[in-house]
Amino acid sequence: MSAGYSLTTLDNFRGGLNYRTDAFDLELNESPDLLNVSVDPRGGISLREGVTTYNQTAEASDIQGIWSLYKDDGTNKVLINYGTAIAAYDGTDFTDLTGPTARTDGSRVYGTTMNNRAYGVSLDKPSFFYDGSTAADLGTTLDGTTGNFPQAKYVAHWNNFAWVGYTKESSTNYPTRIRFSNANLAEQWDDLDFIDIGKGEGGDYITGVLGHNDRLMIFKTNSTYALFGFDGDTFQLITISESIGMTAESTAVSTPYGVFFWNDRQGVYLYDGNNMTWLFEKLKPAIDDGRITFANPPQLGWANNKLYLSVDYYDGDTNTTSRRVFVYDPTIGAWVLWDVDAAALHTHHPPDGAPVLYGACVANPGRVVSIDAGGTSADRYSYSSSAYVSTNIESYFQTAWIKTRNPIVKKRWGQIRLVTSAEQTGTLRVDVFHDYDTSTTAKRMADSELAYDVPITGRQSSASTWDTAQWQNAEGTSGNGVWSSGANAQITDIKKIGSGGTASSLCIRITGPTQQNAAWEVNGASFPYKSRRMR
């Protein structure tokens, strides 16, 4: 660094996304705008993992619900409902089930597994089972006889009982009622085994049931409850909140941190077993200004020790609304935004296998995709000619404003440096902005270009295999042994990207390579500056 210059360094980006309108108050490790990047708990930012289509042939209409069948013999299948059909994955595509009554087009099935059978409910149609080979409707008789299952909107398995919420009985809806089956018998129900939750209080109704550790969580539109106990004689209902509930047809998720769920126009809450914590402070402006919209309910999923939140998102630049996914890492409290096309979310847990998060596409109708599963730096939403069709992921990250200790004093910014790494060769674009104005890129010194191009070179490892490599001779004309240069993640480059110009404050926007499959990572940045005297 040249004499007389001071230095400001960004050595981590763990703060993630913060939409607060006063950019002056952002922490240095936060970003006011980013897309399709992940924040490493150690501090770096990198291109997110790509998504991959799960079913090679698209279904005829939008997929509304996703759930799973698990059996003791290791059999496990993903199930969906779309249009009027119910289908199970056959290893390549989804095959429609015969037996259950056709669903109402556009309705959603919620499902659960108990005793080697998957059960599905959708309120206005008979509930049904699927055992991996056979599927059929179940009766609605609630007298303890077998072969029955109440019609309901929501379903869960907890504490050796099947549970349903928001029931339909003898053509009458009971929106505040939950029911429980006989112990360990999902298809036997007694007429008096029900609880009306807050009936007539405030007009709210049940919006979800979820087993979580030693309690059954019961959500209504404006309130939340927990049920404890072991049977009908010991069940005890506790009110958790009389003002915080869950949006209808959303999804709550049980995690090691507690239960995450979406509340009305407030965003995500976490119930940790004792307290409700609001997690949406940094993103609430996106609700207030209409970027997050509510024509379709938000959906939540849990995988890879992260929370995935799917919402309708309005883009003012293109005047379009699409499905996007916010990702929250509870270990560092950071949010990021991805343009993943997914509505309903579901985590499938194959025995002795890694959980996989699946999403039902909207812009790519009839597709189920695996999300953040690793192995690709491109999105693959379709399958054609015996191959996945890859699409480049648009990505960028904007830093907070670098103000130094004298935010109003003009400074001469020196040569900015980035710490980068990459698996594939590509070019990053770096735009520099001055004095809290991101509408115009600051011109580069000495020419009229508006951005810096930063080439990054991926490392292609050529590792020798032990006991098979042959040493090369001095002339290099024989032998095949070549020592590896090391893993990509262990190699970093320091890139000089030119002067930051003259301004009181600056920020940079890093845009990922535009070529297909070019992953990238930035682990730090430094900004040398020299303050001018105030006049």
Protein backbone atom coordinates (compact mmCIF):
# COMPACT_ATOMS: atom_id res chain seq x y z
CA MET A 1 0.00 0.00 0.00
CA SER A 2 1.33 3.44 -0.94
CA ALA A 3 2.57 5.80 1.76
CA GLY A 4 -0.05 7.95 3.38
CA TYR A 5 -2.96 5.61 2.69
CA SER A 6 -5.19 4.09 5.34
CA LEU A 7 -6.99 0.79 4.81
CA THR A 8 -10.51 -0.52 5.37
CA THR A 9 -10.95 -4.28 5.02
CA LEU A 10 -13.99 -6.51 4.60
CA ASP A 11 -12.93 -9.89 5.92
CA ASN A 12 -16.38 -11.47 6.14
CA PHE A 13 -19.88 -11.10 4.71
CA ARG A 14 -21.69 -13.06 7.42
CA GLY A 15 -24.33 -10.37 7.96
CA GLY A 16 -26.15 -11.40 4.78
CA LEU A 17 -29.04 -9.44 3.28
CA ASN A 18 -30.49 -6.35 4.97
CA TYR A 19 -33.28 -4.38 3.26
CA ARG A 20 -33.39 -1.55 5.78
CA THR A 21 -33.95 1.67 3.84
CA ASP A 22 -31.22 3.61 5.63
CA ALA A 23 -28.16 2.15 3.96
CA PHE A 24 -25.97 4.39 6.12
CA ASP A 25 -26.69 2.15 9.10
CA LEU A 26 -25.73 -1.19 7.53
CA GLU A 27 -22.96 -3.15 9.17
CA LEU A 28 -19.89 -3.67 7.02
CA ASN A 29 -20.59 -7.41 6.78
CA GLU A 30 -24.18 -6.87 5.47
CA SER A 31 -25.46 -6.35 1.94
CA PRO A 32 -28.39 -4.19 0.74
CA ASP A 33 -28.74 -6.21 -2.46
CA LEU A 34 -27.66 -9.68 -3.54
CA LEU A 35 -28.91 -12.57 -5.63
CA ASN A 36 -28.05 -16.25 -5.90
CA VAL A 37 -25.13 -16.31 -3.52
CA SER A 38 -24.51 -18.29 -0.35
CA VAL A 39 -22.79 -16.95 2.74
CA ASP A 40 -20.26 -19.28 4.26
CA PRO A 41 -20.24 -19.29 8.09
CA ARG A 42 -16.52 -18.51 7.81
CA GLY A 43 -17.37 -15.30 5.99
CA GLY A 44 -17.04 -15.77 2.23
CA ILE A 45 -19.70 -15.41 -0.45
CA SER A 46 -20.07 -17.83 -3.34
CA LEU A 47 -22.42 -18.79 -6.14
CA ARG A 48 -25.29 -20.93 -4.84
CA GLU A 49 -25.68 -24.56 -5.86
CA GLY A 50 -27.82 -25.25 -8.91
CA VAL A 51 -31.19 -26.98 -8.92
CA THR A 52 -31.93 -30.16 -10.87
CA THR A 53 -35.24 -31.42 -12.21
CA TYR A 54 -36.42 -34.56 -10.45
CA ASN A 55 -39.04 -35.78 -12.92
CA GLN A 56 -37.79 -36.05 -16.49
CA THR A 57 -41.28 -35.59 -17.93
CA ALA A 58 -43.23 -32.54 -16.76
CA GLU A 59 -46.70 -33.10 -15.37
CA ALA A 60 -49.67 -31.58 -17.17
CA SER A 61 -50.29 -28.84 -14.58
CA ASP A 62 -48.82 -27.16 -11.51
CA ILE A 63 -47.83 -29.40 -8.62
CA GLN A 64 -49.63 -28.33 -5.45
CA GLY A 65 -48.39 -30.64 -2.69
CA ILE A 66 -45.35 -32.84 -1.97
CA TRP A 67 -44.96 -35.45 0.79
CA SER A 68 -43.29 -38.85 1.36
CA LEU A 69 -43.87 -42.54 1.98
CA TYR A 70 -41.40 -44.37 4.25
CA LYS A 71 -41.50 -48.12 5.01
CA ASP A 72 -39.64 -50.30 7.46
CA ASP A 73 -38.04 -52.28 4.62
CA GLY A 74 -36.33 -49.13 3.33
CA THR A 75 -38.85 -48.35 0.60
CA ASN A 76 -39.27 -44.59 0.26
CA LYS A 77 -41.07 -42.56 -2.37
CA VAL A 78 -41.94 -38.96 -3.04
CA LEU A 79 -45.61 -38.25 -3.74
CA ILE A 80 -47.27 -35.24 -5.34
CA ASN A 81 -50.70 -33.96 -6.29
CA TYR A 82 -51.31 -31.95 -9.44
CA GLY A 83 -54.52 -31.09 -11.27
CA THR A 84 -56.93 -33.80 -10.15
CA ALA A 85 -54.24 -36.51 -9.90
CA ILE A 86 -52.09 -38.04 -7.16
CA ALA A 87 -48.77 -39.53 -8.26
CA ALA A 88 -45.73 -41.37 -6.84
CA TYR A 89 -42.15 -41.22 -8.10
CA ASP A 90 -41.07 -44.35 -9.99
CA GLY A 91 -37.33 -43.63 -10.32
CA THR A 92 -37.59 -41.47 -13.43
CA ASP A 93 -41.00 -39.81 -13.41
CA PHE A 94 -44.21 -39.61 -11.40
CA THR A 95 -46.84 -42.28 -12.08
CA ASP A 96 -50.50 -41.48 -11.35
CA LEU A 97 -52.12 -43.57 -8.63
CA THR A 98 -55.36 -45.36 -9.36
CA GLY A 99 -57.87 -45.87 -6.58
CA PRO A 100 -58.17 -42.55 -4.72
CA THR A 101 -60.93 -40.16 -5.70
CA ALA A 102 -59.78 -37.43 -8.08
CA ARG A 103 -58.87 -34.24 -6.25
CA THR A 104 -60.39 -30.85 -6.95
CA ASP A 105 -58.18 -29.15 -9.53
CA GLY A 106 -55.94 -26.61 -7.80
CA SER A 107 -56.42 -28.01 -4.30
CA ARG A 108 -53.46 -29.08 -2.19
CA VAL A 109 -52.90 -32.44 -0.52
CA TYR A 110 -51.08 -32.53 2.81
CA GLY A 111 -49.58 -35.90 3.70
CA THR A 112 -47.82 -37.91 6.39
CA THR A 113 -46.54 -41.46 6.92
CA MET A 114 -47.49 -43.87 9.72
CA ASN A 115 -47.08 -47.65 9.99
CA ASN A 116 -45.72 -48.15 6.45
CA ARG A 117 -48.51 -46.19 4.79
CA ALA A 118 -48.63 -42.64 3.45
CA TYR A 119 -51.86 -40.76 4.10
CA GLY A 120 -53.19 -37.76 2.20
CA VAL A 121 -55.94 -35.26 3.03
CA SER A 122 -57.54 -32.42 1.06
CA LEU A 123 -60.75 -31.50 2.99
CA ASP A 124 -63.41 -31.74 0.26
CA LYS A 125 -62.44 -35.25 -0.92
CA PRO A 126 -62.03 -38.57 0.93
CA SER A 127 -58.70 -39.11 2.63
CA PHE A 128 -56.61 -41.94 1.15
CA PHE A 129 -53.62 -44.20 1.76
CA TYR A 130 -50.72 -45.42 -0.36
CA ASP A 131 -48.48 -48.34 0.68
CA GLY A 132 -46.00 -48.33 -2.19
CA SER A 133 -48.09 -50.46 -4.52
CA THR A 134 -51.77 -49.91 -3.68
CA ALA A 135 -53.74 -46.72 -3.10
CA ALA A 136 -57.39 -46.31 -2.10
CA ASP A 137 -59.90 -44.04 -0.41
CA LEU A 138 -60.58 -44.48 3.29
CA GLY A 139 -63.97 -44.30 4.97
CA THR A 140 -65.17 -41.53 7.25
CA THR A 141 -66.87 -43.62 9.98
CA LEU A 142 -65.63 -42.47 13.41
CA ASP A 143 -66.69 -45.37 15.64
CA GLY A 144 -63.38 -47.16 16.21
CA THR A 145 -63.77 -49.52 13.27
CA THR A 146 -60.84 -49.95 10.87
CA GLY A 147 -60.41 -48.55 7.35
CA ASN A 148 -61.36 -44.96 8.17
CA PHE A 149 -59.68 -41.56 8.16
CA PRO A 150 -61.42 -38.19 8.67
CA GLN A 151 -61.66 -35.69 5.86
CA ALA A 152 -59.51 -32.73 6.82
CA LYS A 153 -57.30 -29.96 5.52
CA TYR A 154 -54.12 -30.71 7.52
CA VAL A 155 -52.52 -33.91 8.82
CA ALA A 156 -49.59 -34.92 11.03
CA HIS A 157 -48.11 -37.92 12.86
CA TRP A 158 -47.10 -37.33 16.48
CA ASN A 159 -46.67 -39.47 19.60
CA ASN A 160 -48.01 -42.67 17.93
CA PHE A 161 -51.23 -40.99 16.82
CA ALA A 162 -52.40 -39.67 13.47
CA TRP A 163 -53.75 -36.12 13.79
CA VAL A 164 -55.91 -34.00 11.52
CA GLY A 165 -56.91 -30.35 11.73
CA TYR A 166 -59.76 -28.37 10.18
CA THR A 167 -62.11 -31.30 9.59
CA LYS A 168 -65.19 -31.97 7.48
CA GLU A 169 -67.75 -34.23 9.13
CA SER A 170 -71.17 -35.13 7.67
CA SER A 171 -70.81 -32.34 5.10
CA THR A 172 -70.08 -29.75 7.80
CA ASN A 173 -66.72 -27.99 8.15
CA TYR A 174 -65.16 -27.69 11.62
CA PRO A 175 -62.36 -25.16 11.09
CA THR A 176 -61.26 -25.11 14.75
CA ARG A 177 -61.27 -28.87 15.36
CA ILE A 178 -58.40 -31.35 15.65
CA ARG A 179 -58.91 -35.12 15.86
CA PHE A 180 -56.64 -37.98 16.89
CA SER A 181 -56.71 -41.64 15.90
CA ASN A 182 -56.52 -44.67 18.15
CA ALA A 183 -52.99 -45.24 19.46
CA ASN A 184 -50.76 -46.79 16.74
CA LEU A 185 -53.83 -47.28 14.53
CA ALA A 186 -53.99 -44.57 11.89
CA GLU A 187 -57.20 -45.97 10.35
CA GLN A 188 -59.30 -46.22 13.54
CA TRP A 189 -60.95 -43.10 14.99
CA ASP A 190 -63.49 -42.60 17.77
CA ASP A 191 -66.24 -40.03 17.54
CA LEU A 192 -65.41 -38.28 20.82
CA ASP A 193 -61.64 -38.09 20.23
CA PHE A 194 -61.49 -34.44 19.20
CA ILE A 195 -60.63 -31.03 20.64
CA ASP A 196 -62.13 -27.74 19.48
CA ILE A 197 -59.32 -25.19 19.69
CA GLY A 198 -60.45 -21.72 20.73
CA LYS A 199 -63.84 -22.18 19.14
CA GLY A 200 -65.53 -18.83 18.57
CA GLU A 201 -62.55 -16.80 19.82
CA GLY A 202 -61.69 -14.07 17.33
CA GLY A 203 -62.93 -15.96 14.31
CA ASP A 204 -59.56 -17.51 13.49
CA TYR A 205 -59.27 -21.08 12.26
CA ILE A 206 -56.71 -23.88 12.14
CA THR A 207 -53.94 -23.40 9.58
CA GLY A 208 -51.62 -26.28 10.42
CA VAL A 209 -50.67 -29.13 12.77
CA LEU A 210 -47.08 -30.24 13.31
CA GLY A 211 -45.38 -32.68 15.66
CA HIS A 212 -42.35 -31.19 17.39
CA ASN A 213 -40.48 -33.17 20.04
CA ASP A 214 -42.77 -33.59 23.09
CA ARG A 215 -45.62 -31.47 21.76
CA LEU A 216 -48.07 -31.13 18.91
CA MET A 217 -48.03 -27.61 17.50
CA ILE A 218 -51.45 -26.30 16.44
CA PHE A 219 -51.54 -23.10 14.42
CA LYS A 220 -54.49 -20.84 13.76
CA THR A 221 -54.57 -17.62 11.75
CA ASN A 222 -54.01 -15.41 14.81
CA SER A 223 -52.93 -17.76 17.59
CA THR A 224 -50.67 -20.71 18.39
CA TYR A 225 -51.13 -23.67 20.76
CA ALA A 226 -49.18 -26.70 21.95
CA LEU A 227 -50.64 -30.04 23.04
CA PHE A 228 -48.82 -32.27 25.52
CA GLY A 229 -49.59 -35.74 26.88
CA PHE A 230 -49.71 -39.43 25.98
CA ASP A 231 -53.38 -40.27 25.37
CA GLY A 232 -56.90 -38.92 25.50
CA ASP A 233 -56.84 -38.93 29.31
CA THR A 234 -53.62 -36.90 29.64
CA PHE A 235 -53.65 -34.54 26.67
CA GLN A 236 -53.24 -30.96 27.85
CA LEU A 237 -53.58 -27.85 25.65
CA ILE A 238 -51.36 -24.82 26.26
CA THR A 239 -51.80 -21.40 24.63
CA ILE A 240 -48.48 -20.15 23.29
CA SER A 241 -49.68 -16.91 21.73
CA GLU A 242 -53.04 -15.21 21.33
CA SER A 243 -51.74 -12.76 18.72
CA ILE A 244 -49.25 -14.68 16.54
CA GLY A 245 -50.42 -17.43 14.20
CA MET A 246 -49.63 -18.94 10.80
CA THR A 247 -50.89 -18.10 7.32
CA ALA A 248 -53.36 -20.63 5.90
CA GLU A 249 -51.94 -23.25 3.53
CA SER A 250 -48.41 -22.26 4.45
CA THR A 251 -46.07 -24.79 6.07
CA ALA A 252 -44.32 -24.87 9.42
CA VAL A 253 -41.11 -26.88 9.87
CA SER A 254 -39.71 -28.66 12.91
CA THR A 255 -35.93 -28.24 13.29
CA PRO A 256 -33.23 -28.63 15.95
CA TYR A 257 -33.61 -24.89 16.61
CA GLY A 258 -37.37 -25.05 17.08
CA VAL A 259 -40.37 -24.49 14.82
CA PHE A 260 -40.19 -21.93 12.02
CA PHE A 261 -43.43 -20.56 10.54
CA TRP A 262 -44.82 -17.57 8.60
CA ASN A 263 -47.09 -15.07 10.34
CA ASP A 264 -49.48 -12.93 8.27
CA ARG A 265 -47.70 -9.76 6.99
CA GLN A 266 -44.90 -9.96 9.54
CA GLY A 267 -42.67 -12.71 8.18
CA VAL A 268 -40.90 -15.66 9.80
CA TYR A 269 -41.08 -16.49 13.49
CA LEU A 270 -39.15 -19.10 15.45
CA TYR A 271 -40.71 -20.87 18.44
CA ASP A 272 -37.87 -22.47 20.40
CA GLY A 273 -40.04 -24.27 22.95
CA ASN A 274 -40.21 -21.28 25.27
CA ASN A 275 -40.29 -18.07 23.30
CA MET A 276 -41.43 -16.64 19.97
CA THR A 277 -38.67 -14.77 18.10
CA TRP A 278 -39.27 -12.58 15.05
CA LEU A 279 -36.58 -13.24 12.42
CA PHE A 280 -37.70 -10.90 9.65
CA GLU A 281 -36.52 -7.49 10.84
CA LYS A 282 -33.91 -7.16 8.09
CA LEU A 283 -36.33 -8.22 5.34
CA LYS A 284 -39.56 -6.57 6.55
CA PRO A 285 -39.13 -3.59 4.16
CA ALA A 286 -39.70 -6.01 1.26
CA ILE A 287 -43.18 -6.68 2.69
CA ASP A 288 -43.87 -3.01 3.36
CA ASP A 289 -42.93 -1.82 -0.14
CA GLY A 290 -44.74 -4.65 -1.96
CA ARG A 291 -41.82 -6.72 -3.19
CA ILE A 292 -43.07 -9.73 -1.22
CA THR A 293 -46.68 -10.34 -2.28
CA PHE A 294 -49.34 -12.74 -1.07
CA ALA A 295 -51.42 -14.07 -3.94
CA ASN A 296 -49.94 -17.45 -2.97
CA PRO A 297 -49.00 -18.35 0.62
CA PRO A 298 -45.33 -18.47 1.68
CA GLN A 299 -43.85 -21.97 2.04
CA LEU A 300 -41.05 -23.16 4.34
CA GLY A 301 -38.62 -26.06 4.13
CA TRP A 302 -35.64 -27.25 6.19
CA ALA A 303 -32.49 -28.94 4.86
CA ASN A 304 -28.70 -28.61 5.08
CA ASN A 305 -29.15 -26.95 8.49
CA LYS A 306 -30.82 -23.98 6.78
CA LEU A 307 -34.33 -22.60 6.45
CA TYR A 308 -35.74 -22.13 2.94
CA LEU A 309 -38.61 -19.66 2.48
CA SER A 310 -40.49 -19.53 -0.83
CA VAL A 311 -42.53 -16.38 -1.55
CA ASP A 312 -44.09 -14.45 -4.42
CA TYR A 313 -41.66 -11.64 -5.26
CA TYR A 314 -42.39 -8.55 -7.36
CA ASP A 315 -39.53 -7.18 -9.48
CA GLY A 316 -40.13 -3.49 -10.21
CA ASP A 317 -37.46 -3.43 -12.92
CA THR A 318 -39.29 -6.02 -15.04
CA ASN A 319 -42.80 -5.42 -13.64
CA THR A 320 -43.19 -9.17 -13.05
CA THR A 321 -43.95 -11.38 -10.06
CA SER A 322 -42.18 -14.72 -9.73
CA ARG A 323 -41.41 -17.25 -7.06
CA ARG A 324 -38.17 -16.64 -5.16
CA VAL A 325 -36.52 -18.33 -2.19
CA PHE A 326 -34.97 -16.64 0.83
CA VAL A 327 -32.46 -18.82 2.69
CA TYR A 328 -31.71 -18.33 6.39
CA ASP A 329 -28.67 -19.72 8.20
CA PRO A 330 -29.49 -19.79 11.93
CA THR A 331 -25.84 -20.34 12.89
CA ILE A 332 -24.97 -16.79 11.78
CA GLY A 333 -28.42 -15.18 11.49
CA ALA A 334 -27.97 -14.34 7.80
CA TRP A 335 -30.52 -14.22 4.96
CA VAL A 336 -29.79 -14.46 1.23
CA LEU A 337 -32.10 -14.36 -1.80
CA TRP A 338 -32.23 -16.88 -4.65
CA ASP A 339 -34.32 -16.81 -7.83
CA VAL A 340 -35.18 -20.51 -7.47
CA ASP A 341 -38.54 -21.35 -9.05
CA ALA A 342 -40.29 -23.27 -6.26
CA ALA A 343 -43.59 -23.00 -4.42
CA ALA A 344 -44.43 -25.96 -2.16
CA LEU A 345 -41.30 -27.25 -0.38
CA HIS A 346 -40.70 -30.69 1.13
CA THR A 347 -37.65 -32.41 2.60
CA HIS A 348 -37.42 -36.12 1.77
CA HIS A 349 -35.41 -38.27 4.22
CA PRO A 350 -34.30 -41.53 2.55
CA PRO A 351 -33.04 -44.13 5.04
CA ASP A 352 -29.24 -43.97 5.39
CA GLY A 353 -29.17 -41.13 2.86
CA ALA A 354 -28.81 -37.37 2.93
CA PRO A 355 -32.10 -35.43 3.13
CA VAL A 356 -33.10 -33.76 -0.14
CA LEU A 357 -35.16 -30.59 -0.37
CA TYR A 358 -37.71 -30.69 -3.21
CA GLY A 359 -39.66 -27.78 -4.63
CA ALA A 360 -42.69 -27.60 -6.92
CA CYS A 361 -42.00 -25.24 -9.82
CA VAL A 362 -44.31 -22.43 -10.92
CA ALA A 363 -42.67 -20.87 -13.99
CA ASN A 364 -41.65 -24.39 -15.02
CA PRO A 365 -45.05 -26.05 -14.49
CA GLY A 366 -45.22 -29.74 -13.72
CA ARG A 367 -41.62 -29.96 -12.53
CA VAL A 368 -40.24 -30.96 -9.16
CA VAL A 369 -36.65 -29.85 -8.55
CA SER A 370 -34.04 -30.74 -5.95
CA ILE A 371 -32.70 -27.58 -4.32
CA ASP A 372 -29.21 -26.87 -2.98
CA ALA A 373 -28.25 -30.52 -3.31
CA GLY A 374 -24.74 -29.85 -4.62
CA GLY A 375 -22.89 -31.07 -7.67
CA THR A 376 -23.75 -28.34 -10.18
CA SER A 377 -23.17 -24.61 -10.62
CA ALA A 378 -26.01 -24.31 -13.16
CA ASP A 379 -29.78 -24.62 -12.94
CA ARG A 380 -31.37 -27.60 -14.70
CA TYR A 381 -35.11 -27.11 -14.80
CA SER A 382 -35.79 -29.37 -17.78
CA TYR A 383 -34.76 -32.66 -19.32
CA SER A 384 -34.45 -33.14 -23.08
CA SER A 385 -32.88 -35.71 -25.40
CA SER A 386 -31.63 -37.88 -22.52
CA ALA A 387 -29.82 -34.97 -20.86
CA TYR A 388 -30.46 -32.19 -18.38
CA VAL A 389 -30.64 -28.72 -19.94
CA SER A 390 -28.29 -26.36 -18.08
CA THR A 391 -28.89 -22.66 -17.59
CA ASN A 392 -26.41 -20.13 -16.23
CA ILE A 393 -27.22 -18.68 -12.80
CA GLU A 394 -27.32 -14.87 -12.65
CA SER A 395 -25.54 -13.78 -9.47
CA TYR A 396 -24.30 -10.63 -7.77
CA PHE A 397 -23.39 -9.21 -4.37
CA GLN A 398 -23.30 -5.57 -3.30
CA THR A 399 -21.24 -4.51 -0.30
CA ALA A 400 -22.31 -2.09 2.38
CA TRP A 401 -21.12 1.50 2.00
CA ILE A 402 -17.48 1.94 2.99
CA LYS A 403 -17.47 5.22 4.95
CA THR A 404 -14.37 5.01 7.17
CA ARG A 405 -14.26 7.04 10.36
CA ASN A 406 -15.00 10.29 8.50
CA PRO A 407 -18.13 9.64 6.43
CA ILE A 408 -18.49 13.22 5.12
CA VAL A 409 -14.86 13.81 4.17
CA LYS A 410 -13.85 13.32 0.53
CA LYS A 411 -11.26 10.62 0.01
CA ARG A 412 -9.02 9.44 -2.76
CA TRP A 413 -9.61 5.70 -2.97
CA GLY A 414 -6.67 3.60 -4.03
CA GLN A 415 -6.49 0.28 -5.81
CA ILE A 416 -9.23 -2.05 -4.54
CA ARG A 417 -8.30 -5.67 -3.99
CA LEU A 418 -10.44 -8.81 -3.86
CA VAL A 419 -9.61 -12.24 -2.48
CA THR A 420 -11.17 -14.70 -4.96
CA SER A 421 -11.28 -18.38 -5.84
CA ALA A 422 -12.99 -20.37 -8.55
CA GLU A 423 -13.45 -23.89 -9.87
CA GLN A 424 -13.97 -22.76 -13.45
CA THR A 425 -12.33 -19.97 -15.38
CA GLY A 426 -14.54 -16.91 -15.72
CA THR A 427 -14.72 -13.14 -15.39
CA LEU A 428 -16.24 -11.17 -12.55
CA ARG A 429 -17.63 -7.70 -13.18
CA VAL A 430 -17.04 -5.11 -10.46
CA ASP A 431 -19.01 -1.86 -10.43
CA VAL A 432 -17.99 0.98 -8.12
CA PHE A 433 -20.61 3.38 -6.71
CA HIS A 434 -20.04 6.69 -4.92
CA ASP A 435 -21.76 8.58 -2.11
CA TYR A 436 -24.87 6.43 -1.53
CA ASP A 437 -25.94 6.58 -5.18
CA THR A 438 -26.24 3.21 -6.92
CA SER A 439 -28.13 4.56 -9.93
CA THR A 440 -24.90 5.40 -11.79
CA THR A 441 -21.66 3.47 -11.87
CA ALA A 442 -18.63 5.63 -11.13
CA LYS A 443 -16.35 6.01 -14.13
CA ARG A 444 -13.02 4.29 -14.09
CA MET A 445 -9.92 6.39 -13.93
CA ALA A 446 -8.23 7.09 -17.30
CA ASP A 447 -11.02 5.74 -19.55
CA SER A 448 -14.76 5.79 -20.05
CA GLU A 449 -15.47 2.19 -19.04
CA LEU A 450 -17.97 1.89 -16.24
CA ALA A 451 -16.87 -1.39 -14.63
CA TYR A 452 -13.81 -3.48 -13.95
CA ASP A 453 -13.43 -6.95 -15.42
CA VAL A 454 -11.72 -9.35 -13.05
CA PRO A 455 -10.53 -12.60 -14.65
CA ILE A 456 -10.42 -15.57 -12.30
CA THR A 457 -8.81 -18.86 -13.25
CA GLY A 458 -10.13 -22.20 -12.11
CA ARG A 459 -7.74 -24.99 -11.18
CA GLN A 460 -8.10 -28.30 -12.94
CA SER A 461 -6.50 -30.87 -10.71
CA SER A 462 -4.47 -33.69 -12.28
CA ALA A 463 -3.78 -35.85 -9.29
CA SER A 464 -1.66 -38.95 -9.44
CA THR A 465 -3.20 -42.19 -8.21
CA TRP A 466 -1.16 -44.03 -5.60
CA ASP A 467 0.50 -47.24 -6.81
CA THR A 468 -0.46 -46.60 -10.45
CA ALA A 469 1.47 -43.43 -11.34
CA GLN A 470 4.85 -43.78 -13.05
CA TRP A 471 7.58 -41.20 -12.46
CA GLN A 472 8.48 -39.11 -15.49
CA ASN A 473 12.11 -38.98 -16.60
CA ALA A 474 14.10 -35.75 -16.83
CA GLU A 475 13.04 -35.16 -20.42
CA GLY A 476 9.37 -35.74 -19.58
CA THR A 477 9.02 -38.27 -22.39
CA SER A 478 7.84 -41.18 -20.26
CA GLY A 479 5.79 -41.75 -17.13
CA ASN A 480 2.32 -40.51 -16.30
CA GLY A 481 2.65 -39.23 -12.72
CA VAL A 482 1.60 -35.63 -12.16
CA TRP A 483 1.24 -34.28 -8.65
CA SER A 484 -2.01 -32.49 -7.87
CA SER A 485 -1.97 -28.71 -7.42
CA GLY A 486 -4.44 -29.01 -4.53
CA ALA A 487 -8.17 -28.67 -4.17
CA ASN A 488 -9.85 -25.61 -5.63
CA ALA A 489 -11.18 -24.47 -2.28
CA GLN A 490 -7.63 -24.32 -0.91
CA ILE A 491 -6.32 -21.96 -3.58
CA THR A 492 -6.94 -18.22 -3.48
CA ASP A 493 -5.98 -15.26 -5.63
CA ILE A 494 -5.63 -11.62 -4.72
CA LYS A 495 -6.97 -9.50 -7.56
CA LYS A 496 -6.24 -5.80 -8.01
CA ILE A 497 -9.16 -4.14 -9.71
CA GLY A 498 -8.08 -0.52 -10.00
CA SER A 499 -8.77 2.76 -8.28
CA GLY A 500 -12.00 3.53 -6.45
CA GLY A 501 -11.94 7.20 -7.50
CA THR A 502 -12.74 10.21 -5.32
CA ALA A 503 -15.77 10.16 -3.02
CA SER A 504 -16.83 10.41 0.61
CA SER A 505 -17.99 6.78 0.54
CA LEU A 506 -18.12 3.92 -1.91
CA CYS A 507 -19.47 0.43 -2.38
CA ILE A 508 -18.90 -2.23 -5.01
CA ARG A 509 -21.19 -4.69 -6.73
CA ILE A 510 -19.62 -7.99 -7.75
CA THR A 511 -21.44 -9.73 -10.61
CA GLY A 512 -20.76 -13.39 -11.35
CA PRO A 513 -19.54 -14.70 -14.71
CA THR A 514 -22.12 -14.72 -17.46
CA GLN A 515 -20.84 -17.91 -19.05
CA GLN A 516 -22.53 -21.17 -18.14
CA ASN A 517 -21.39 -23.23 -15.16
CA ALA A 518 -18.83 -20.70 -13.89
CA ALA A 519 -18.82 -20.90 -10.07
CA TRP A 520 -17.08 -18.15 -8.12
CA GLU A 521 -16.22 -17.10 -4.60
CA VAL A 522 -15.04 -13.92 -2.87
CA ASN A 523 -13.60 -14.16 0.63
CA GLY A 524 -12.52 -10.59 1.33
CA ALA A 525 -11.91 -7.08 -0.01
CA SER A 526 -9.67 -4.17 0.92
CA PHE A 527 -10.13 -0.47 0.23
CA PRO A 528 -7.08 1.83 0.64
CA TYR A 529 -7.90 5.53 0.92
CA LYS A 530 -6.36 8.91 1.61
CA SER A 531 -8.53 11.57 3.22
CA ARG A 532 -8.55 15.13 1.87
CA ARG A 533 -8.46 18.09 4.16
CA MET A 534 -11.78 19.71 4.96
CA ARG A 535 -12.09 23.30 3.71
